N, C-alpha and C. Protein backbone atom coordinates (compact mmCIF):
# COMPACT_ATOMS: atom_id res chain seq x y z
N UNK A 1 22.80 -18.46 10.20
CA UNK A 1 22.08 -17.56 9.31
C UNK A 1 23.04 -16.61 8.60
N UNK A 2 24.10 -16.20 9.30
CA UNK A 2 25.08 -15.30 8.69
C UNK A 2 25.71 -15.89 7.43
N UNK A 3 25.96 -17.17 7.46
CA UNK A 3 26.56 -17.82 6.31
C UNK A 3 25.56 -18.13 5.21
N UNK A 4 24.30 -18.30 5.58
CA UNK A 4 23.27 -18.67 4.62
C UNK A 4 22.71 -17.47 3.87
N UNK A 5 22.57 -16.34 4.55
CA UNK A 5 21.94 -15.17 3.95
C UNK A 5 22.64 -14.68 2.67
N UNK A 6 23.97 -14.59 2.63
CA UNK A 6 24.60 -14.19 1.37
C UNK A 6 24.31 -15.16 0.22
N UNK A 7 24.26 -16.44 0.52
CA UNK A 7 23.94 -17.44 -0.50
C UNK A 7 22.52 -17.24 -1.03
N UNK A 8 21.56 -17.04 -0.11
CA UNK A 8 20.17 -16.83 -0.51
C UNK A 8 20.04 -15.56 -1.34
N UNK A 9 20.70 -14.48 -0.91
CA UNK A 9 20.67 -13.22 -1.69
C UNK A 9 21.21 -13.45 -3.09
N UNK A 10 22.32 -14.14 -3.19
CA UNK A 10 22.93 -14.41 -4.49
C UNK A 10 22.01 -15.25 -5.37
N UNK A 11 21.44 -16.27 -4.80
CA UNK A 11 20.53 -17.15 -5.54
C UNK A 11 19.32 -16.37 -6.05
N UNK A 12 18.71 -15.57 -5.17
CA UNK A 12 17.55 -14.77 -5.57
C UNK A 12 17.92 -13.72 -6.62
N UNK A 13 19.05 -13.07 -6.44
CA UNK A 13 19.49 -12.05 -7.40
C UNK A 13 19.68 -12.66 -8.79
N UNK A 14 20.32 -13.81 -8.86
CA UNK A 14 20.52 -14.47 -10.15
C UNK A 14 19.19 -14.92 -10.75
N UNK A 15 18.34 -15.49 -9.92
CA UNK A 15 17.05 -15.98 -10.39
C UNK A 15 16.16 -14.86 -10.92
N UNK A 16 16.22 -13.70 -10.27
CA UNK A 16 15.36 -12.58 -10.65
C UNK A 16 16.04 -11.62 -11.63
N UNK A 17 17.32 -11.82 -11.88
CA UNK A 17 18.03 -10.96 -12.82
C UNK A 17 18.27 -9.55 -12.31
N UNK A 18 18.52 -9.42 -11.00
CA UNK A 18 18.80 -8.11 -10.41
C UNK A 18 20.14 -8.17 -9.70
N UNK A 19 20.74 -7.00 -9.49
CA UNK A 19 21.99 -6.97 -8.74
C UNK A 19 21.90 -5.90 -7.66
N UNK A 20 22.44 -6.21 -6.50
CA UNK A 20 22.43 -5.28 -5.38
C UNK A 20 21.26 -5.50 -4.45
N UNK A 21 21.50 -5.21 -3.18
CA UNK A 21 20.49 -5.42 -2.15
C UNK A 21 19.26 -4.54 -2.37
N UNK A 22 19.48 -3.29 -2.80
CA UNK A 22 18.34 -2.38 -3.02
C UNK A 22 17.44 -2.87 -4.14
N UNK A 23 18.04 -3.32 -5.24
CA UNK A 23 17.25 -3.82 -6.37
C UNK A 23 16.50 -5.10 -5.97
N UNK A 24 17.14 -5.94 -5.20
CA UNK A 24 16.49 -7.17 -4.74
C UNK A 24 15.30 -6.84 -3.83
N UNK A 25 15.50 -5.91 -2.90
CA UNK A 25 14.40 -5.51 -2.01
C UNK A 25 13.26 -4.89 -2.81
N UNK A 26 13.58 -4.06 -3.79
CA UNK A 26 12.54 -3.43 -4.60
C UNK A 26 11.76 -4.46 -5.40
N UNK A 27 12.43 -5.48 -5.90
CA UNK A 27 11.77 -6.51 -6.70
C UNK A 27 10.90 -7.42 -5.84
N UNK A 28 11.37 -7.77 -4.67
CA UNK A 28 10.66 -8.75 -3.83
C UNK A 28 9.71 -8.15 -2.80
N UNK A 29 10.11 -7.05 -2.18
CA UNK A 29 9.43 -6.63 -0.96
C UNK A 29 8.66 -5.32 -1.03
N UNK A 30 9.12 -4.39 -1.81
CA UNK A 30 8.53 -3.05 -1.78
C UNK A 30 7.31 -2.98 -2.67
N UNK A 31 6.18 -3.35 -2.11
CA UNK A 31 4.91 -3.39 -2.83
C UNK A 31 3.83 -2.74 -1.98
N UNK A 32 2.94 -2.02 -2.63
CA UNK A 32 1.78 -1.46 -1.93
C UNK A 32 0.65 -2.48 -1.97
N UNK A 33 -0.03 -2.61 -0.89
CA UNK A 33 -1.14 -3.55 -0.84
C UNK A 33 -1.84 -3.47 0.50
N UNK A 34 -2.65 -4.46 0.77
CA UNK A 34 -3.43 -4.51 2.00
C UNK A 34 -3.25 -5.87 2.64
N UNK A 35 -3.09 -5.87 3.95
CA UNK A 35 -2.95 -7.12 4.71
C UNK A 35 -4.20 -7.27 5.58
N UNK A 36 -4.78 -8.45 5.52
CA UNK A 36 -5.94 -8.76 6.36
C UNK A 36 -5.58 -9.99 7.19
N UNK A 37 -5.59 -9.83 8.50
CA UNK A 37 -5.24 -10.93 9.40
C UNK A 37 -6.46 -11.33 10.22
N UNK A 38 -6.70 -12.63 10.25
CA UNK A 38 -7.72 -13.19 11.12
C UNK A 38 -7.04 -14.21 12.03
N UNK A 39 -7.81 -14.87 12.83
CA UNK A 39 -7.25 -15.87 13.73
C UNK A 39 -6.59 -17.02 12.98
N UNK A 40 -7.05 -17.28 11.76
CA UNK A 40 -6.56 -18.44 11.01
C UNK A 40 -5.84 -18.10 9.72
N UNK A 41 -5.98 -16.87 9.23
CA UNK A 41 -5.44 -16.51 7.91
C UNK A 41 -4.66 -15.20 7.94
N UNK A 42 -3.71 -15.12 7.03
CA UNK A 42 -3.01 -13.87 6.73
C UNK A 42 -3.11 -13.71 5.22
N UNK A 43 -3.94 -12.78 4.78
CA UNK A 43 -4.19 -12.56 3.36
C UNK A 43 -3.55 -11.26 2.92
N UNK A 44 -2.76 -11.32 1.85
CA UNK A 44 -2.12 -10.14 1.29
C UNK A 44 -2.77 -9.82 -0.04
N UNK A 45 -3.36 -8.64 -0.13
CA UNK A 45 -4.05 -8.20 -1.35
C UNK A 45 -3.17 -7.17 -2.05
N UNK A 46 -2.80 -7.47 -3.28
CA UNK A 46 -1.93 -6.60 -4.07
C UNK A 46 -2.60 -6.28 -5.39
N UNK A 47 -2.43 -5.05 -5.88
CA UNK A 47 -2.97 -4.75 -7.21
C UNK A 47 -2.24 -5.58 -8.26
N UNK A 48 -2.96 -5.98 -9.27
CA UNK A 48 -2.38 -6.83 -10.31
C UNK A 48 -1.16 -6.19 -10.95
N UNK A 49 -1.18 -4.87 -11.13
CA UNK A 49 -0.03 -4.21 -11.76
C UNK A 49 1.18 -4.11 -10.83
N UNK A 50 1.03 -4.46 -9.56
CA UNK A 50 2.16 -4.46 -8.63
C UNK A 50 2.93 -5.78 -8.70
N UNK A 51 2.39 -6.75 -9.40
CA UNK A 51 3.05 -8.05 -9.52
C UNK A 51 4.26 -7.93 -10.43
N UNK A 52 5.40 -8.35 -9.93
CA UNK A 52 6.63 -8.35 -10.72
C UNK A 52 6.66 -9.59 -11.60
N UNK A 53 6.88 -9.39 -12.88
CA UNK A 53 6.93 -10.52 -13.81
C UNK A 53 8.05 -11.49 -13.42
N UNK A 54 9.19 -10.96 -13.01
CA UNK A 54 10.31 -11.83 -12.62
C UNK A 54 9.94 -12.68 -11.41
N UNK A 55 9.25 -12.09 -10.45
CA UNK A 55 8.84 -12.83 -9.25
C UNK A 55 7.80 -13.88 -9.63
N UNK A 56 6.86 -13.51 -10.48
CA UNK A 56 5.82 -14.46 -10.90
C UNK A 56 6.43 -15.64 -11.65
N UNK A 57 7.34 -15.35 -12.59
CA UNK A 57 7.96 -16.42 -13.38
C UNK A 57 8.81 -17.36 -12.52
N UNK A 58 9.40 -16.82 -11.46
CA UNK A 58 10.24 -17.66 -10.59
C UNK A 58 9.40 -18.46 -9.58
N UNK A 59 8.09 -18.16 -9.51
CA UNK A 59 7.22 -18.90 -8.60
C UNK A 59 7.25 -18.42 -7.16
N UNK A 60 7.87 -17.27 -6.92
CA UNK A 60 7.97 -16.78 -5.55
C UNK A 60 6.67 -16.16 -5.03
N UNK A 61 5.67 -16.06 -5.89
CA UNK A 61 4.38 -15.50 -5.47
C UNK A 61 3.34 -16.60 -5.21
N UNK A 62 3.77 -17.85 -5.21
CA UNK A 62 2.84 -18.94 -4.94
C UNK A 62 2.36 -18.87 -3.49
N UNK A 63 1.13 -19.25 -3.26
CA UNK A 63 0.59 -19.23 -1.91
C UNK A 63 1.31 -20.26 -1.06
N UNK A 64 1.93 -19.81 0.04
CA UNK A 64 2.63 -20.77 0.90
C UNK A 64 1.69 -21.68 1.66
N UNK A 65 0.43 -21.26 1.84
CA UNK A 65 -0.51 -22.09 2.59
C UNK A 65 -0.23 -22.06 4.08
N UNK A 66 -0.37 -23.20 4.74
CA UNK A 66 -0.19 -23.27 6.18
C UNK A 66 1.26 -22.99 6.55
N UNK A 67 1.46 -22.00 7.43
CA UNK A 67 2.80 -21.65 7.92
C UNK A 67 2.83 -21.90 9.42
N UNK A 68 3.40 -23.02 9.85
CA UNK A 68 3.40 -23.36 11.28
C UNK A 68 4.00 -22.26 12.16
N UNK A 69 5.05 -21.59 11.68
CA UNK A 69 5.69 -20.55 12.49
C UNK A 69 4.75 -19.38 12.77
N UNK A 70 3.82 -19.13 11.85
CA UNK A 70 2.85 -18.05 12.02
C UNK A 70 1.54 -18.54 12.63
N UNK A 71 1.32 -19.84 12.53
CA UNK A 71 0.07 -20.40 13.01
C UNK A 71 -1.12 -19.97 12.17
N UNK A 72 -0.85 -19.68 10.89
CA UNK A 72 -1.91 -19.19 9.99
C UNK A 72 -1.68 -19.71 8.57
N UNK A 73 -2.73 -19.62 7.78
CA UNK A 73 -2.64 -19.88 6.35
C UNK A 73 -2.32 -18.55 5.67
N UNK A 74 -1.29 -18.53 4.84
CA UNK A 74 -0.87 -17.31 4.15
C UNK A 74 -1.23 -17.43 2.68
N UNK A 75 -1.90 -16.39 2.16
CA UNK A 75 -2.30 -16.39 0.75
C UNK A 75 -2.08 -15.01 0.15
N UNK A 76 -1.65 -15.01 -1.12
CA UNK A 76 -1.53 -13.78 -1.91
C UNK A 76 -2.74 -13.68 -2.82
N UNK A 77 -3.28 -12.48 -2.94
CA UNK A 77 -4.41 -12.22 -3.83
C UNK A 77 -4.04 -11.05 -4.73
N UNK A 78 -4.01 -11.26 -6.03
CA UNK A 78 -3.75 -10.18 -6.98
C UNK A 78 -5.08 -9.74 -7.55
N UNK A 79 -5.47 -8.51 -7.25
CA UNK A 79 -6.79 -8.00 -7.64
C UNK A 79 -6.67 -6.74 -8.49
């Protein structure tokens, strides 16, 4: 993982047009919203204006669906 993480950071930074770990975190992760977890689902509800255009254009906001590691279906909802 130590060798892979810098590559993934670099790839994401180039894809999203940002530089630096703080800018990358702000673009990808720092969002206000609501999480609803049930036995079978993990739903993330985000306001539509919280959606980053760069993230949307890169396809990183697509619903991952079934995530075996979580044992749940993961979905994003922009409301």
